[in-house]
Amino acid sequence: MRALFRRPAGLRGPGQKLFTWYQRARDFYFSLSRPKFEAMTFGLALLVGLIVMPVLIYLAGKYTLGAYAHGTTQETHGVFSLFKDFFVGLFEPRPSCWIVLLGPFVFLCFVRLCRLILRKV
C-alpha cells in the first residue's frame, strides 16, 4: 500500500518541500493504533460525505439537469442552497441525506471486505 504513495524520485530542492507535509501526514496516519486509525478513517469518510459528496452531486445535477430547483431564491444560490437543503435533511431524518453522508464509509467498508475476501482466495 505504501508503494502507491512514495515521494517522486529525483525531486530535490524546493520541490522536495512540497511533498514533506504529505509524507509526514501519511506516516502519522499509518502509525496510529488500530482504534485511532479506524476512528480517523471514519471521521475522514464522514467529512467526505458531508462536504465533498454534496458538491459532486450538485455538479453532476447541474451538468445533466440544469440549475438547482431551490437555488433560485434571493438568499442562497447554487451549491449553497443544496448544502442548506442537505443539512436540513440531516436534521429532519431524510434517508437520502443520510445515504449521502454515510455512503463513503459504506463504500470503504465494501472495498475492505472485497480485499479481505480476495486475500483468502
Protein backbone atom coordinates (compact mmCIF):
# COMPACT_ATOMS: atom_id res chain seq x y z
CA MET A 1 0.00 0.00 0.00
CA ARG A 2 2.79 2.39 0.83
CA ALA A 3 4.37 1.83 -2.58
CA LEU A 4 1.49 3.79 -4.10
CA PHE A 5 2.25 6.86 -2.02
CA ARG A 6 6.00 7.18 -2.28
CA ARG A 7 7.66 10.52 -2.91
CA PRO A 8 8.63 11.01 -6.56
CA ALA A 9 12.25 10.01 -7.21
CA GLY A 10 14.75 12.68 -8.15
CA LEU A 11 12.88 15.54 -6.51
CA ARG A 12 15.38 17.82 -4.81
CA GLY A 13 15.47 21.40 -3.64
CA PRO A 14 12.29 23.48 -3.37
CA GLY A 15 10.13 20.75 -4.93
CA GLN A 16 11.07 18.39 -2.12
CA LYS A 17 9.48 20.65 0.50
CA LEU A 18 6.22 20.45 -1.41
CA PHE A 19 5.82 16.76 -0.54
CA THR A 20 7.12 16.68 3.04
CA TRP A 21 3.78 17.66 4.59
CA TYR A 22 2.10 14.80 2.74
CA GLN A 23 4.76 12.32 3.78
CA ARG A 24 4.54 13.35 7.43
CA ALA A 25 0.72 13.16 7.37
CA ARG A 26 0.83 9.73 5.71
CA ASP A 27 3.38 8.41 8.19
CA PHE A 28 1.34 9.75 11.12
CA TYR A 29 -1.86 8.19 9.73
CA PHE A 30 -0.34 4.74 9.22
CA SER A 31 1.45 4.77 12.58
CA LEU A 32 -1.75 5.20 14.60
CA SER A 33 -3.01 2.38 16.78
CA ARG A 34 -5.84 0.31 15.30
CA PRO A 35 -8.73 2.04 17.17
CA LYS A 36 -7.35 5.51 16.41
CA PHE A 37 -6.75 4.53 12.78
CA GLU A 38 -10.35 3.35 12.42
CA ALA A 39 -11.70 6.47 14.15
CA MET A 40 -9.63 8.71 11.88
CA THR A 41 -10.79 6.78 8.82
CA PHE A 42 -14.42 7.06 9.91
CA GLY A 43 -14.01 10.79 10.54
CA LEU A 44 -12.40 11.39 7.15
CA ALA A 45 -15.11 9.37 5.41
CA LEU A 46 -17.80 11.41 7.20
CA LEU A 47 -16.04 14.62 6.21
CA VAL A 48 -16.05 13.49 2.57
CA GLY A 49 -19.73 12.61 2.86
CA LEU A 50 -20.52 15.95 4.48
CA ILE A 51 -18.57 18.29 2.19
CA VAL A 52 -17.34 16.60 -0.99
CA MET A 53 -20.34 14.43 -1.90
CA PRO A 54 -22.93 17.26 -1.96
CA VAL A 55 -20.62 19.30 -4.22
CA LEU A 56 -20.20 16.35 -6.59
CA ILE A 57 -23.96 15.77 -6.60
CA TYR A 58 -24.54 19.43 -7.34
CA LEU A 59 -22.05 19.45 -10.22
CA ALA A 60 -23.46 16.27 -11.75
CA GLY A 61 -27.00 17.59 -11.42
CA LYS A 62 -26.15 20.97 -12.87
CA TYR A 63 -24.39 19.34 -15.82
CA THR A 64 -27.18 16.87 -16.60
CA LEU A 65 -30.36 18.55 -15.33
CA GLY A 66 -29.61 22.27 -15.29
CA ALA A 67 -29.89 24.73 -12.41
CA TYR A 68 -30.80 23.52 -8.93
CA ALA A 69 -34.53 23.98 -8.33
CA HIS A 70 -34.20 25.54 -4.87
CA GLY A 71 -31.23 27.67 -5.90
CA THR A 72 -33.29 30.45 -7.43
CA THR A 73 -34.15 32.30 -4.20
CA GLN A 74 -32.51 35.59 -3.33
CA GLU A 75 -30.99 34.42 -0.06
CA THR A 76 -28.97 31.46 -1.36
CA HIS A 77 -27.65 30.47 -4.76
CA GLY A 78 -26.35 27.30 -6.33
CA VAL A 79 -24.36 24.86 -4.27
CA PHE A 80 -25.03 26.74 -1.01
CA SER A 81 -28.74 26.14 -1.47
CA LEU A 82 -28.05 22.44 -1.90
CA PHE A 83 -25.91 22.46 1.28
CA LYS A 84 -28.75 24.16 3.16
CA ASP A 85 -31.25 21.56 1.96
CA PHE A 86 -28.76 18.78 2.73
CA PHE A 87 -28.19 19.90 6.33
CA VAL A 88 -31.93 20.41 6.87
CA GLY A 89 -32.42 16.88 5.56
CA LEU A 90 -29.92 15.54 8.08
CA PHE A 91 -31.83 17.09 10.97
CA GLU A 92 -35.20 16.01 9.55
CA PRO A 93 -34.15 12.40 9.13
CA ARG A 94 -34.40 12.03 5.35
CA PRO A 95 -32.90 8.71 4.22
CA SER A 96 -31.44 10.23 1.05
CA CYS A 97 -29.32 12.70 3.02
CA TRP A 98 -28.09 10.03 5.40
CA ILE A 99 -27.19 7.76 2.47
CA VAL A 100 -25.07 10.58 1.01
CA LEU A 101 -23.42 11.21 4.39
CA LEU A 102 -22.62 7.56 5.16
CA GLY A 103 -22.01 6.48 1.56
CA PRO A 104 -18.22 6.98 1.51
CA PHE A 105 -17.79 4.98 4.72
CA VAL A 106 -20.03 2.15 3.50
CA PHE A 107 -18.13 2.10 0.19
CA LEU A 108 -14.81 1.95 2.07
CA CYS A 109 -16.10 -0.95 4.17
CA PHE A 110 -17.21 -2.73 0.99
CA VAL A 111 -13.75 -2.28 -0.58
CA ARG A 112 -12.09 -3.58 2.59
CA LEU A 113 -14.41 -6.60 2.60
CA CYS A 114 -13.59 -7.34 -1.04
CA ARG A 115 -9.85 -7.10 -0.29
CA LEU A 116 -10.26 -9.49 2.65
CA ILE A 117 -12.15 -12.00 0.51
CA LEU A 118 -9.56 -11.78 -2.28
CA ARG A 119 -6.72 -12.34 0.19
CA LYS A 120 -8.39 -15.51 1.47
CA VAL A 121 -8.93 -16.90 -2.04
